[in-house]
Amino acid sequence: MRPENSFPFVRELNELRRGRGLDAADLHQRIGPCLREACEITAADQPAAARQKLVLRLTELCGRLPADLRLAALAALGLHEEAAGEFLDRRISWLASVLDRDPRTARRRIDLAFRRLDELLGAPPAGRDLHPLAGWYVESMKARLRLDRDPPDLEEERRIVAEVDELDELVLSFSVPAEPGSDPVPDITADVLFGGEIVEARQVSVSHAQFIMRLPSPLRLGQRHEYGIRFAPRRTSLRPYYVMTPLRRCEEFSVRVRFDRAAPPSRVWRLNGVPGRVVDDGVDSGDALTVNRVGEVGLEFHELHQGLSYGLQWSFDPRED
C-alpha cells in the first residue's frame, strides 16, 4: 500500500477540484508543479494556453478510466458538461444521484479516480502527433460498409473531443477512388444520422469530397460529442479496399464490411498502418482475414498514426502460387 504522500498528482488534483474546478478564473495560478510538468505547461504560457494544455491532457486520461471512475473524475474537475460550472458540493451531489449512491460513496469514487489518474500522469508520455489545425480529434470511430447493396453504403459513428472552445463545425473528408475506365465523377452524398447537419458540400476533386457539418451546439474545450453519418458514392465500380487514413489524431478505429454472399472475394487481408501507395498497388499483406458465413469481416485498430492507412483489402482472383 502506497503512503498518502506518494500520490503527488492527487494532492494537486484535489486543489484544482475546489470551487468551479477547471472553470475557475484563477486556474493557472493553482496548477501544481507536477501537473505543469506532466502537461508541458511552461512559465511562458499565457493563462488560456495553460488551461488548454491541462484540460486536453486530463480529458484524454479520463477517457482511459472505467466508466464510473471517468464520470467521477470529470464531474469533480468540472469537465462534465452536465456538472460543469457548479461548485464542488453540488457536483458531488450530482454524481451521487447519477451513480445512485450517497455523497460519501461518490467522494470515495472520486478519490479512487484521482489515484488512477495519478498513475497515468506519472507514466512516461506516449508520442502523440496532433494536426495543428484540427480543432478536434477522434477518440473512436466505427464504420459499417455494405457491399451487398447497389450502390454501396457506408455508415460511420464517431466520438470526438474538442481541442478548442466554441467548436461549432467539423470538416469531414471522404474519398472514393474509381477503377480505371469508370465514371470519373464520384457524386458522393452524405446524410447525417444524428449529432449534426450538413451545411455545405465541396467536390475537391474527381475522387474526393468534403462536407461541412454544423454541430447541435458549440463544444467547449475537452468536451466529447458523438455523431453518425452515411456516405453513398453513386457508382457501383469501386476499388477493392476500405481504409481510414487519419489526417488528425485518432485513438480507435473499427470497421465491419458485409460482402455480397452470392459473389464473395477469394481473399481478404488486413492493412495495418501502411503507406497509401501500398494500398494502390494492391499487394497482399499476408495478414489474411476470414469472411464469415453471413459475408462479414470485422477488425479494429488502436493508436493510429497520421498519414498511414488502416483497414482491409480484397481480391476476387485466387492467389497465384
C-alpha atoms as a PDB file:
ATOM      1  CA  MET A   1       0.000   0.000   0.000  1.00  0.00           C
ATOM      2  CA  ARG A   2       1.431   3.400  -1.008  1.00  0.00           C
ATOM      3  CA  PRO A   3       1.596   6.160   1.618  1.00  0.00           C
ATOM      4  CA  GLU A   4      -0.620   9.179   1.002  1.00  0.00           C
ATOM      5  CA  ASN A   5       2.331  11.476   0.220  1.00  0.00           C
ATOM      6  CA  SER A   6       3.376   9.228  -2.657  1.00  0.00           C
ATOM      7  CA  PHE A   7       0.427  10.448  -4.753  1.00  0.00           C
ATOM      8  CA  PRO A   8       1.692  13.911  -5.775  1.00  0.00           C
ATOM      9  CA  PHE A   9      -0.829  14.332  -8.583  1.00  0.00           C
ATOM     10  CA  VAL A  10      -3.719  13.510  -6.234  1.00  0.00           C
ATOM     11  CA  ARG A  11      -2.784  16.414  -3.999  1.00  0.00           C
ATOM     12  CA  GLU A  12      -2.682  18.785  -6.946  1.00  0.00           C
ATOM     13  CA  LEU A  13      -5.921  17.440  -8.444  1.00  0.00           C
ATOM     14  CA  ASN A  14      -7.642  17.906  -5.091  1.00  0.00           C
ATOM     15  CA  GLU A  15      -6.532  21.519  -5.147  1.00  0.00           C
ATOM     16  CA  LEU A  16      -7.937  22.015  -8.649  1.00  0.00           C
ATOM     17  CA  ARG A  17     -11.319  20.454  -7.923  1.00  0.00           C
ATOM     18  CA  ARG A  18     -12.213  23.131  -5.366  1.00  0.00           C
ATOM     19  CA  GLY A  19     -14.751  25.786  -6.335  1.00  0.00           C
ATOM     20  CA  ARG A  20     -15.528  25.715 -10.039  1.00  0.00           C
ATOM     21  CA  GLY A  21     -12.818  23.189 -10.812  1.00  0.00           C
ATOM     22  CA  LEU A  22     -11.107  23.752 -14.150  1.00  0.00           C
ATOM     23  CA  ASP A  23     -13.524  26.603 -14.900  1.00  0.00           C
ATOM     24  CA  ALA A  24     -12.006  28.681 -12.089  1.00  0.00           C
ATOM     25  CA  ALA A  25     -10.783  32.120 -13.110  1.00  0.00           C
ATOM     26  CA  ASP A  26      -7.510  31.640 -11.214  1.00  0.00           C
ATOM     27  CA  LEU A  27      -6.872  28.139 -12.559  1.00  0.00           C
ATOM     28  CA  HIS A  28      -3.446  28.995 -13.994  1.00  0.00           C
ATOM     29  CA  GLN A  29      -2.276  30.075 -10.533  1.00  0.00           C
ATOM     30  CA  ARG A  30      -3.407  26.828  -8.895  1.00  0.00           C
ATOM     31  CA  ILE A  31      -1.746  24.330 -11.229  1.00  0.00           C
ATOM     32  CA  GLY A  32       0.902  22.490  -9.217  1.00  0.00           C
ATOM     33  CA  PRO A  33       4.461  21.714 -10.375  1.00  0.00           C
ATOM     34  CA  CYS A  34       3.786  18.038 -11.074  1.00  0.00           C
ATOM     35  CA  LEU A  35       0.813  18.782 -13.314  1.00  0.00           C
ATOM     36  CA  ARG A  36       2.738  21.553 -15.048  1.00  0.00           C
ATOM     37  CA  GLU A  37       5.489  19.132 -15.962  1.00  0.00           C
ATOM     38  CA  ALA A  38       3.113  16.335 -16.993  1.00  0.00           C
ATOM     39  CA  CYS A  39       1.055  18.705 -19.174  1.00  0.00           C
ATOM     40  CA  GLU A  40       4.122  20.516 -20.569  1.00  0.00           C
ATOM     41  CA  ILE A  41       2.985  23.867 -19.202  1.00  0.00           C
ATOM     42  CA  THR A  42       5.794  26.413 -19.172  1.00  0.00           C
ATOM     43  CA  ALA A  43       6.283  29.707 -17.385  1.00  0.00           C
ATOM     44  CA  ALA A  44       5.876  31.478 -20.727  1.00  0.00           C
ATOM     45  CA  ASP A  45       2.368  30.062 -21.291  1.00  0.00           C
ATOM     46  CA  GLN A  46      -0.493  32.521 -21.009  1.00  0.00           C
ATOM     47  CA  PRO A  47      -3.422  31.505 -18.717  1.00  0.00           C
ATOM     48  CA  ALA A  48      -5.539  30.391 -21.694  1.00  0.00           C
ATOM     49  CA  ALA A  49      -2.724  28.216 -23.069  1.00  0.00           C
ATOM     50  CA  ALA A  50      -2.070  26.652 -19.662  1.00  0.00           C
ATOM     51  CA  ARG A  51      -5.758  25.859 -19.271  1.00  0.00           C
ATOM     52  CA  GLN A  52      -5.927  24.335 -22.742  1.00  0.00           C
ATOM     53  CA  LYS A  53      -2.960  22.036 -22.117  1.00  0.00           C
ATOM     54  CA  LEU A  54      -4.324  20.946 -18.745  1.00  0.00           C
ATOM     55  CA  VAL A  55      -7.868  20.307 -19.951  1.00  0.00           C
ATOM     56  CA  LEU A  56      -6.771  18.335 -23.019  1.00  0.00           C
ATOM     57  CA  ARG A  57      -4.375  16.159 -21.038  1.00  0.00           C
ATOM     58  CA  LEU A  58      -6.834  15.397 -18.244  1.00  0.00           C
ATOM     59  CA  THR A  59      -9.685  14.791 -20.691  1.00  0.00           C
ATOM     60  CA  GLU A  60      -7.527  12.317 -22.594  1.00  0.00           C
ATOM     61  CA  LEU A  61      -6.513  10.425 -19.446  1.00  0.00           C
ATOM     62  CA  CYS A  62     -10.046  10.381 -18.058  1.00  0.00           C
ATOM     63  CA  GLY A  63     -11.043   8.618 -21.269  1.00  0.00           C
ATOM     64  CA  ARG A  64      -8.827   5.687 -20.263  1.00  0.00           C
ATOM     65  CA  LEU A  65     -10.615   5.128 -16.954  1.00  0.00           C
ATOM     66  CA  PRO A  66     -13.522   2.729 -16.367  1.00  0.00           C
ATOM     67  CA  ALA A  67     -16.894   4.364 -16.970  1.00  0.00           C
ATOM     68  CA  ASP A  68     -17.750   5.049 -13.309  1.00  0.00           C
ATOM     69  CA  LEU A  69     -14.311   6.459 -12.496  1.00  0.00           C
ATOM     70  CA  ARG A  70     -14.281   8.522 -15.690  1.00  0.00           C
ATOM     71  CA  LEU A  71     -17.609  10.067 -14.698  1.00  0.00           C
ATOM     72  CA  ALA A  72     -16.340  10.737 -11.160  1.00  0.00           C
ATOM     73  CA  ALA A  73     -13.158  12.458 -12.335  1.00  0.00           C
ATOM     74  CA  LEU A  74     -14.892  14.577 -14.981  1.00  0.00           C
ATOM     75  CA  ALA A  75     -17.582  15.692 -12.535  1.00  0.00           C
ATOM     76  CA  ALA A  76     -15.085  16.508  -9.780  1.00  0.00           C
ATOM     77  CA  LEU A  77     -12.939  18.618 -12.093  1.00  0.00           C
ATOM     78  CA  GLY A  78     -15.918  20.375 -13.672  1.00  0.00           C
ATOM     79  CA  LEU A  79     -15.229  18.823 -17.074  1.00  0.00           C
ATOM     80  CA  HIS A  80     -18.565  17.039 -17.438  1.00  0.00           C
ATOM     81  CA  GLU A  81     -20.980  19.174 -19.440  1.00  0.00           C
ATOM     82  CA  GLU A  82     -23.901  18.366 -17.110  1.00  0.00           C
ATOM     83  CA  ALA A  83     -21.884  19.156 -13.988  1.00  0.00           C
ATOM     84  CA  ALA A  84     -19.666  21.960 -15.291  1.00  0.00           C
ATOM     85  CA  GLY A  85     -19.930  25.372 -13.657  1.00  0.00           C
ATOM     86  CA  GLU A  86     -21.291  24.091 -10.343  1.00  0.00           C
ATOM     87  CA  PHE A  87     -19.419  24.229  -7.067  1.00  0.00           C
ATOM     88  CA  LEU A  88     -17.796  21.041  -5.758  1.00  0.00           C
ATOM     89  CA  ASP A  89     -20.535  20.052  -3.290  1.00  0.00           C
ATOM     90  CA  ARG A  90     -23.171  20.382  -5.989  1.00  0.00           C
ATOM     91  CA  ARG A  91     -21.071  18.389  -8.453  1.00  0.00           C
ATOM     92  CA  ILE A  92     -20.656  15.633  -5.857  1.00  0.00           C
ATOM     93  CA  SER A  93     -24.420  15.609  -5.239  1.00  0.00           C
ATOM     94  CA  TRP A  94     -24.993  15.368  -8.994  1.00  0.00           C
ATOM     95  CA  LEU A  95     -22.515  12.490  -9.234  1.00  0.00           C
ATOM     96  CA  ALA A  96     -24.171  10.692  -6.316  1.00  0.00           C
ATOM     97  CA  SER A  97     -27.571  10.937  -8.000  1.00  0.00           C
ATOM     98  CA  VAL A  98     -26.235   9.636 -11.335  1.00  0.00           C
ATOM     99  CA  LEU A  99     -24.443   6.734  -9.618  1.00  0.00           C
ATOM    100  CA  ASP A 100     -27.477   6.141  -7.381  1.00  0.00           C
ATOM    101  CA  ARG A 101     -25.230   6.259  -4.320  1.00  0.00           C
ATOM    102  CA  ASP A 102     -24.868   8.548  -1.320  1.00  0.00           C
ATOM    103  CA  PRO A 103     -22.452  11.533  -1.450  1.00  0.00           C
ATOM    104  CA  ARG A 104     -19.905   9.737   0.734  1.00  0.00           C
ATOM    105  CA  THR A 105     -19.656   6.924  -1.805  1.00  0.00           C
ATOM    106  CA  ALA A 106     -19.388   9.464  -4.609  1.00  0.00           C
ATOM    107  CA  ARG A 107     -16.443  11.108  -2.838  1.00  0.00           C
ATOM    108  CA  ARG A 108     -14.718   7.731  -2.495  1.00  0.00           C
ATOM    109  CA  ARG A 109     -15.239   7.146  -6.213  1.00  0.00           C
ATOM    110  CA  ILE A 110     -13.574  10.498  -6.927  1.00  0.00           C
ATOM    111  CA  ASP A 111     -10.654   9.602  -4.656  1.00  0.00           C
ATOM    112  CA  LEU A 112     -10.182   6.310  -6.497  1.00  0.00           C
ATOM    113  CA  ALA A 113     -10.415   8.031  -9.886  1.00  0.00           C
ATOM    114  CA  PHE A 114      -7.759  10.568  -8.856  1.00  0.00           C
ATOM    115  CA  ARG A 115      -5.422   7.779  -7.781  1.00  0.00           C
ATOM    116  CA  ARG A 116      -5.814   6.132 -11.152  1.00  0.00           C
ATOM    117  CA  LEU A 117      -5.126   9.481 -12.819  1.00  0.00           C
ATOM    118  CA  ASP A 118      -2.033   9.799 -10.631  1.00  0.00           C
ATOM    119  CA  GLU A 119      -0.705   6.549 -12.116  1.00  0.00           C
ATOM    120  CA  LEU A 120      -1.437   7.670 -15.681  1.00  0.00           C
ATOM    121  CA  LEU A 121       0.043  11.127 -15.212  1.00  0.00           C
ATOM    122  CA  GLY A 122       3.206   9.648 -13.737  1.00  0.00           C
ATOM    123  CA  ALA A 123       3.718   7.234 -16.644  1.00  0.00           C
ATOM    124  CA  PRO A 124       6.135   8.169 -19.461  1.00  0.00           C
ATOM    125  CA  PRO A 125       4.190  10.156 -22.077  1.00  0.00           C
ATOM    126  CA  ALA A 126       3.473   8.362 -25.332  1.00  0.00           C
ATOM    127  CA  GLY A 127       4.391  10.090 -28.549  1.00  0.00           C
ATOM    128  CA  ARG A 128       1.402  11.916 -29.994  1.00  0.00           C
ATOM    129  CA  ASP A 129       1.052  13.567 -33.369  1.00  0.00           C
ATOM    130  CA  LEU A 130      -1.585  16.270 -33.361  1.00  0.00           C
ATOM    131  CA  HIS A 131      -2.676  18.060 -36.505  1.00  0.00           C
ATOM    132  CA  PRO A 132      -2.042  21.715 -35.651  1.00  0.00           C
ATOM    133  CA  LEU A 133      -5.210  22.977 -37.392  1.00  0.00           C
ATOM    134  CA  ALA A 134      -7.618  20.210 -36.424  1.00  0.00           C
ATOM    135  CA  GLY A 135      -9.513  21.755 -33.520  1.00  0.00           C
ATOM    136  CA  TRP A 136     -10.711  18.282 -32.596  1.00  0.00           C
ATOM    137  CA  TYR A 137      -9.565  14.678 -32.601  1.00  0.00           C
ATOM    138  CA  VAL A 138     -11.252  11.308 -32.967  1.00  0.00           C
ATOM    139  CA  GLU A 139     -11.474   9.273 -29.787  1.00  0.00           C
ATOM    140  CA  SER A 140     -13.239   6.389 -31.523  1.00  0.00           C
ATOM    141  CA  MET A 141     -14.693   5.624 -34.940  1.00  0.00           C
ATOM    142  CA  LYS A 142     -16.896   2.717 -36.015  1.00  0.00           C
ATOM    143  CA  ALA A 143     -17.559   2.090 -39.709  1.00  0.00           C
ATOM    144  CA  ARG A 144     -20.013  -0.277 -41.404  1.00  0.00           C
ATOM    145  CA  LEU A 145     -19.650  -0.793 -45.161  1.00  0.00           C
ATOM    146  CA  ARG A 146     -22.378  -2.624 -47.095  1.00  0.00           C
ATOM    147  CA  LEU A 147     -21.089  -4.019 -50.383  1.00  0.00           C
ATOM    148  CA  ASP A 148     -24.133  -6.240 -50.778  1.00  0.00           C
ATOM    149  CA  ARG A 149     -26.100  -3.134 -51.824  1.00  0.00           C
ATOM    150  CA  ASP A 150     -26.142  -1.198 -55.085  1.00  0.00           C
ATOM    151  CA  PRO A 151     -24.780   1.399 -54.739  1.00  0.00           C
ATOM    152  CA  PRO A 152     -22.551   0.562 -51.729  1.00  0.00           C
ATOM    153  CA  ASP A 153     -23.431   2.173 -48.422  1.00  0.00           C
ATOM    154  CA  LEU A 154     -21.099   3.352 -45.652  1.00  0.00           C
ATOM    155  CA  GLU A 155     -22.110   4.434 -42.152  1.00  0.00           C
ATOM    156  CA  GLU A 156     -19.668   5.932 -39.654  1.00  0.00           C
ATOM    157  CA  GLU A 157     -20.133   6.731 -35.992  1.00  0.00           C
ATOM    158  CA  ARG A 158     -17.507   8.871 -34.308  1.00  0.00           C
ATOM    159  CA  ARG A 159     -16.825  10.167 -30.837  1.00  0.00           C
ATOM    160  CA  ILE A 160     -14.707  13.290 -30.995  1.00  0.00           C
ATOM    161  CA  VAL A 161     -13.062  15.567 -28.428  1.00  0.00           C
ATOM    162  CA  ALA A 162     -12.849  19.332 -28.930  1.00  0.00           C
ATOM    163  CA  GLU A 163      -9.352  20.827 -28.696  1.00  0.00           C
ATOM    164  CA  VAL A 164     -10.628  24.404 -28.712  1.00  0.00           C
ATOM    165  CA  ASP A 165     -13.504  26.340 -27.177  1.00  0.00           C
ATOM    166  CA  GLU A 166     -16.605  27.182 -29.232  1.00  0.00           C
ATOM    167  CA  LEU A 167     -16.073  24.430 -31.818  1.00  0.00           C
ATOM    168  CA  ASP A 168     -19.272  24.545 -33.869  1.00  0.00           C
ATOM    169  CA  GLU A 169     -18.416  22.959 -37.258  1.00  0.00           C
ATOM    170  CA  LEU A 170     -16.465  19.951 -38.476  1.00  0.00           C
ATOM    171  CA  VAL A 171     -14.867  19.454 -41.888  1.00  0.00           C
ATOM    172  CA  LEU A 172     -15.420  15.819 -42.909  1.00  0.00           C
ATOM    173  CA  SER A 173     -13.499  14.309 -45.820  1.00  0.00           C
ATOM    174  CA  PHE A 174     -14.324  11.252 -47.911  1.00  0.00           C
ATOM    175  CA  SER A 175     -12.542   9.750 -50.929  1.00  0.00           C
ATOM    176  CA  VAL A 176     -13.815   7.233 -53.459  1.00  0.00           C
ATOM    177  CA  PRO A 177     -11.043   6.330 -55.943  1.00  0.00           C
ATOM    178  CA  ALA A 178     -12.607   4.748 -59.005  1.00  0.00           C
ATOM    179  CA  GLU A 179     -11.479   1.799 -61.046  1.00  0.00           C
ATOM    180  CA  PRO A 180      -9.624   2.881 -64.232  1.00  0.00           C
ATOM    181  CA  GLY A 181     -12.058   3.479 -67.087  1.00  0.00           C
ATOM    182  CA  SER A 182     -15.111   4.013 -64.876  1.00  0.00           C
ATOM    183  CA  ASP A 183     -17.130   7.194 -64.410  1.00  0.00           C
ATOM    184  CA  PRO A 184     -14.634   9.766 -63.075  1.00  0.00           C
ATOM    185  CA  VAL A 185     -17.267  11.738 -61.131  1.00  0.00           C
ATOM    186  CA  PRO A 186     -17.903  10.139 -57.730  1.00  0.00           C
ATOM    187  CA  ASP A 187     -21.047  12.164 -56.886  1.00  0.00           C
ATOM    188  CA  ILE A 188     -20.675  11.384 -53.194  1.00  0.00           C
ATOM    189  CA  THR A 189     -23.622  12.177 -50.960  1.00  0.00           C
ATOM    190  CA  ALA A 190     -23.626  12.472 -47.172  1.00  0.00           C
ATOM    191  CA  ASP A 191     -26.534  12.212 -44.771  1.00  0.00           C
ATOM    192  CA  VAL A 192     -26.137  12.884 -41.034  1.00  0.00           C
ATOM    193  CA  LEU A 193     -27.853  10.205 -38.960  1.00  0.00           C
ATOM    194  CA  PHE A 194     -27.515  12.053 -35.666  1.00  0.00           C
ATOM    195  CA  GLY A 195     -25.369  14.691 -33.982  1.00  0.00           C
ATOM    196  CA  GLY A 196     -25.323  17.479 -36.568  1.00  0.00           C
ATOM    197  CA  GLU A 197     -26.363  18.658 -40.033  1.00  0.00           C
ATOM    198  CA  ILE A 198     -24.585  19.135 -43.359  1.00  0.00           C
ATOM    199  CA  VAL A 199     -24.482  22.811 -44.314  1.00  0.00           C
ATOM    200  CA  GLU A 200     -22.062  22.672 -47.253  1.00  0.00           C
ATOM    201  CA  ALA A 201     -20.644  20.072 -49.654  1.00  0.00           C
ATOM    202  CA  ARG A 202     -17.444  20.580 -51.645  1.00  0.00           C
ATOM    203  CA  GLN A 203     -16.258  18.461 -54.581  1.00  0.00           C
ATOM    204  CA  VAL A 204     -12.497  18.896 -54.113  1.00  0.00           C
ATOM    205  CA  SER A 205     -11.509  16.528 -56.945  1.00  0.00           C
ATOM    206  CA  VAL A 206     -12.956  13.710 -59.026  1.00  0.00           C
ATOM    207  CA  SER A 207     -12.367  11.283 -56.145  1.00  0.00           C
ATOM    208  CA  HIS A 208     -12.523  13.454 -53.023  1.00  0.00           C
ATOM    209  CA  ALA A 209     -15.305  15.401 -51.335  1.00  0.00           C
ATOM    210  CA  GLN A 210     -15.572  17.483 -48.168  1.00  0.00           C
ATOM    211  CA  PHE A 211     -18.654  18.147 -46.082  1.00  0.00           C
ATOM    212  CA  ILE A 212     -19.127  20.898 -43.507  1.00  0.00           C
ATOM    213  CA  MET A 213     -21.181  19.593 -40.587  1.00  0.00           C
ATOM    214  CA  ARG A 214     -22.694  22.017 -38.086  1.00  0.00           C
ATOM    215  CA  LEU A 215     -22.927  20.721 -34.529  1.00  0.00           C
ATOM    216  CA  PRO A 216     -26.116  20.984 -32.449  1.00  0.00           C
ATOM    217  CA  SER A 217     -24.337  23.449 -30.142  1.00  0.00           C
ATOM    218  CA  PRO A 218     -20.746  24.693 -29.824  1.00  0.00           C
ATOM    219  CA  LEU A 219     -18.383  22.419 -27.910  1.00  0.00           C
ATOM    220  CA  ARG A 220     -16.163  23.623 -25.125  1.00  0.00           C
ATOM    221  CA  LEU A 221     -12.520  22.637 -24.821  1.00  0.00           C
ATOM    222  CA  GLY A 222     -12.270  18.957 -23.861  1.00  0.00           C
ATOM    223  CA  GLN A 223     -15.958  18.213 -24.441  1.00  0.00           C
ATOM    224  CA  ARG A 224     -16.905  14.969 -26.200  1.00  0.00           C
ATOM    225  CA  HIS A 225     -19.511  14.661 -28.940  1.00  0.00           C
ATOM    226  CA  GLU A 226     -20.892  11.721 -30.914  1.00  0.00           C
ATOM    227  CA  TYR A 227     -22.323  11.786 -34.401  1.00  0.00           C
ATOM    228  CA  GLY A 228     -23.300   9.354 -37.133  1.00  0.00           C
ATOM    229  CA  ILE A 229     -23.108   9.905 -40.883  1.00  0.00           C
ATOM    230  CA  ARG A 230     -23.875   7.903 -44.029  1.00  0.00           C
ATOM    231  CA  PHE A 231     -21.788   8.280 -47.178  1.00  0.00           C
ATOM    232  CA  ALA A 232     -23.066   6.945 -50.507  1.00  0.00           C
ATOM    233  CA  PRO A 233     -20.981   7.112 -53.705  1.00  0.00           C
ATOM    234  CA  ARG A 234     -23.242   6.964 -56.739  1.00  0.00           C
ATOM    235  CA  ARG A 235     -21.157   4.465 -58.628  1.00  0.00           C
ATOM    236  CA  THR A 236     -21.066   0.681 -58.423  1.00  0.00           C
ATOM    237  CA  SER A 237     -17.479   0.056 -59.553  1.00  0.00           C
ATOM    238  CA  LEU A 238     -15.180   0.709 -56.582  1.00  0.00           C
ATOM    239  CA  ARG A 239     -11.594  -0.204 -55.864  1.00  0.00           C
ATOM    240  CA  PRO A 240     -11.342  -3.323 -53.685  1.00  0.00           C
ATOM    241  CA  TYR A 241     -10.409  -1.811 -50.332  1.00  0.00           C
ATOM    242  CA  TYR A 242     -11.702   0.255 -47.450  1.00  0.00           C
ATOM    243  CA  VAL A 243      -9.170   2.189 -45.394  1.00  0.00           C
ATOM    244  CA  MET A 244      -9.027   5.070 -42.993  1.00  0.00           C
ATOM    245  CA  THR A 245      -6.038   7.380 -43.401  1.00  0.00           C
ATOM    246  CA  PRO A 246      -6.201   9.771 -40.426  1.00  0.00           C
ATOM    247  CA  LEU A 247      -5.079  13.345 -41.004  1.00  0.00           C
ATOM    248  CA  ARG A 248      -5.678  14.157 -37.343  1.00  0.00           C
ATOM    249  CA  ARG A 249      -5.242  12.169 -34.177  1.00  0.00           C
ATOM    250  CA  CYS A 250      -7.371   9.001 -33.984  1.00  0.00           C
ATOM    251  CA  GLU A 251      -7.231   6.705 -30.973  1.00  0.00           C
ATOM    252  CA  GLU A 252      -9.505   3.821 -32.003  1.00  0.00           C
ATOM    253  CA  PHE A 253     -10.989   2.617 -35.295  1.00  0.00           C
ATOM    254  CA  SER A 254     -13.154  -0.430 -36.022  1.00  0.00           C
ATOM    255  CA  VAL A 255     -14.732  -1.481 -39.297  1.00  0.00           C
ATOM    256  CA  ARG A 256     -17.166  -4.168 -40.404  1.00  0.00           C
ATOM    257  CA  VAL A 257     -17.659  -4.944 -44.098  1.00  0.00           C
ATOM    258  CA  ARG A 258     -20.509  -7.050 -45.477  1.00  0.00           C
ATOM    259  CA  PHE A 259     -19.846  -8.574 -48.888  1.00  0.00           C
ATOM    260  CA  ASP A 260     -22.357  -9.965 -51.355  1.00  0.00           C
ATOM    261  CA  ARG A 261     -22.688 -13.607 -50.270  1.00  0.00           C
ATOM    262  CA  ALA A 262     -23.518 -14.590 -53.844  1.00  0.00           C
ATOM    263  CA  ALA A 263     -20.106 -13.368 -55.016  1.00  0.00           C
ATOM    264  CA  PRO A 264     -17.656 -13.097 -52.085  1.00  0.00           C
ATOM    265  CA  PRO A 265     -13.981 -12.220 -52.597  1.00  0.00           C
ATOM    266  CA  SER A 266     -11.488 -15.057 -52.779  1.00  0.00           C
ATOM    267  CA  ARG A 267      -9.015 -13.270 -50.480  1.00  0.00           C
ATOM    268  CA  VAL A 268      -9.236 -10.554 -47.844  1.00  0.00           C
ATOM    269  CA  TRP A 269      -6.269  -9.124 -45.946  1.00  0.00           C
ATOM    270  CA  ARG A 270      -5.614  -6.591 -43.205  1.00  0.00           C
ATOM    271  CA  LEU A 271      -3.876  -3.262 -43.834  1.00  0.00           C
ATOM    272  CA  ASN A 272      -2.318  -2.185 -40.557  1.00  0.00           C
ATOM    273  CA  GLY A 273      -0.681   1.213 -40.925  1.00  0.00           C
ATOM    274  CA  VAL A 274       0.662   1.122 -44.488  1.00  0.00           C
ATOM    275  CA  PRO A 275       1.568   3.944 -46.920  1.00  0.00           C
ATOM    276  CA  GLY A 276      -1.125   4.886 -49.400  1.00  0.00           C
ATOM    277  CA  ARG A 277       0.965   3.679 -52.341  1.00  0.00           C
ATOM    278  CA  VAL A 278       0.930   0.151 -50.911  1.00  0.00           C
ATOM    279  CA  VAL A 279      -2.873   0.264 -50.948  1.00  0.00           C
ATOM    280  CA  ASP A 280      -2.913   1.477 -54.558  1.00  0.00           C
ATOM    281  CA  ASP A 281      -0.544  -1.321 -55.622  1.00  0.00           C
ATOM    282  CA  GLY A 282      -2.907  -3.946 -54.163  1.00  0.00           C
ATOM    283  CA  VAL A 283      -0.127  -6.010 -52.592  1.00  0.00           C
ATOM    284  CA  ASP A 284      -1.417  -8.785 -50.335  1.00  0.00           C
ATOM    285  CA  SER A 285      -0.050  -8.114 -46.840  1.00  0.00           C
ATOM    286  CA  GLY A 286      -0.201 -11.807 -45.922  1.00  0.00           C
ATOM    287  CA  ASP A 287      -2.358 -10.960 -42.887  1.00  0.00           C
ATOM    288  CA  ALA A 288      -5.356 -12.947 -44.088  1.00  0.00           C
ATOM    289  CA  LEU A 289      -8.897 -12.320 -42.847  1.00  0.00           C
ATOM    290  CA  THR A 290     -11.799 -14.755 -42.980  1.00  0.00           C
ATOM    291  CA  VAL A 291     -15.217 -13.850 -44.331  1.00  0.00           C
ATOM    292  CA  ASN A 292     -17.814 -15.401 -42.020  1.00  0.00           C
ATOM    293  CA  ARG A 293     -20.883 -17.289 -43.170  1.00  0.00           C
ATOM    294  CA  VAL A 294     -23.036 -14.150 -43.361  1.00  0.00           C
ATOM    295  CA  GLY A 295     -20.468 -12.456 -45.565  1.00  0.00           C
ATOM    296  CA  GLU A 296     -18.876 -10.178 -42.970  1.00  0.00           C
ATOM    297  CA  VAL A 297     -15.368  -9.255 -41.879  1.00  0.00           C
ATOM    298  CA  GLY A 298     -14.670  -7.138 -38.799  1.00  0.00           C
ATOM    299  CA  LEU A 299     -11.449  -5.735 -37.348  1.00  0.00           C
ATOM    300  CA  GLU A 300     -10.195  -2.925 -35.120  1.00  0.00           C
ATOM    301  CA  PHE A 301      -7.133  -0.735 -34.662  1.00  0.00           C
ATOM    302  CA  HIS A 302      -5.768   1.395 -31.820  1.00  0.00           C
ATOM    303  CA  GLU A 303      -3.477   4.458 -31.613  1.00  0.00           C
ATOM    304  CA  LEU A 304      -3.416   5.100 -35.360  1.00  0.00           C
ATOM    305  CA  HIS A 305      -0.575   7.098 -36.911  1.00  0.00           C
ATOM    306  CA  GLN A 306      -1.402  10.093 -39.077  1.00  0.00           C
ATOM    307  CA  GLY A 307      -0.813   9.655 -42.788  1.00  0.00           C
ATOM    308  CA  LEU A 308      -0.850   5.831 -42.738  1.00  0.00           C
ATOM    309  CA  SER A 309      -3.758   3.663 -43.882  1.00  0.00           C
ATOM    310  CA  TYR A 310      -5.732   1.170 -41.777  1.00  0.00           C
ATOM    311  CA  GLY A 311      -8.440  -1.187 -42.954  1.00  0.00           C
ATOM    312  CA  LEU A 312      -8.767  -4.122 -45.327  1.00  0.00           C
ATOM    313  CA  GLN A 313      -8.323  -5.023 -48.966  1.00  0.00           C
ATOM    314  CA  TRP A 314      -9.690  -7.884 -51.040  1.00  0.00           C
ATOM    315  CA  SER A 315      -9.387  -9.667 -54.357  1.00  0.00           C
ATOM    316  CA  PHE A 316     -11.738 -11.785 -56.415  1.00  0.00           C
ATOM    317  CA  ASP A 317      -8.798 -13.545 -58.077  1.00  0.00           C
ATOM    318  CA  PRO A 318      -7.271 -16.631 -56.454  1.00  0.00           C
ATOM    319  CA  ARG A 319      -3.761 -16.304 -55.042  1.00  0.00           C
ATOM    320  CA  GLU A 320      -1.099 -17.005 -57.626  1.00  0.00           C
ATOM    321  CA  ASP A 321       1.487 -19.521 -56.401  1.00  0.00           C
END
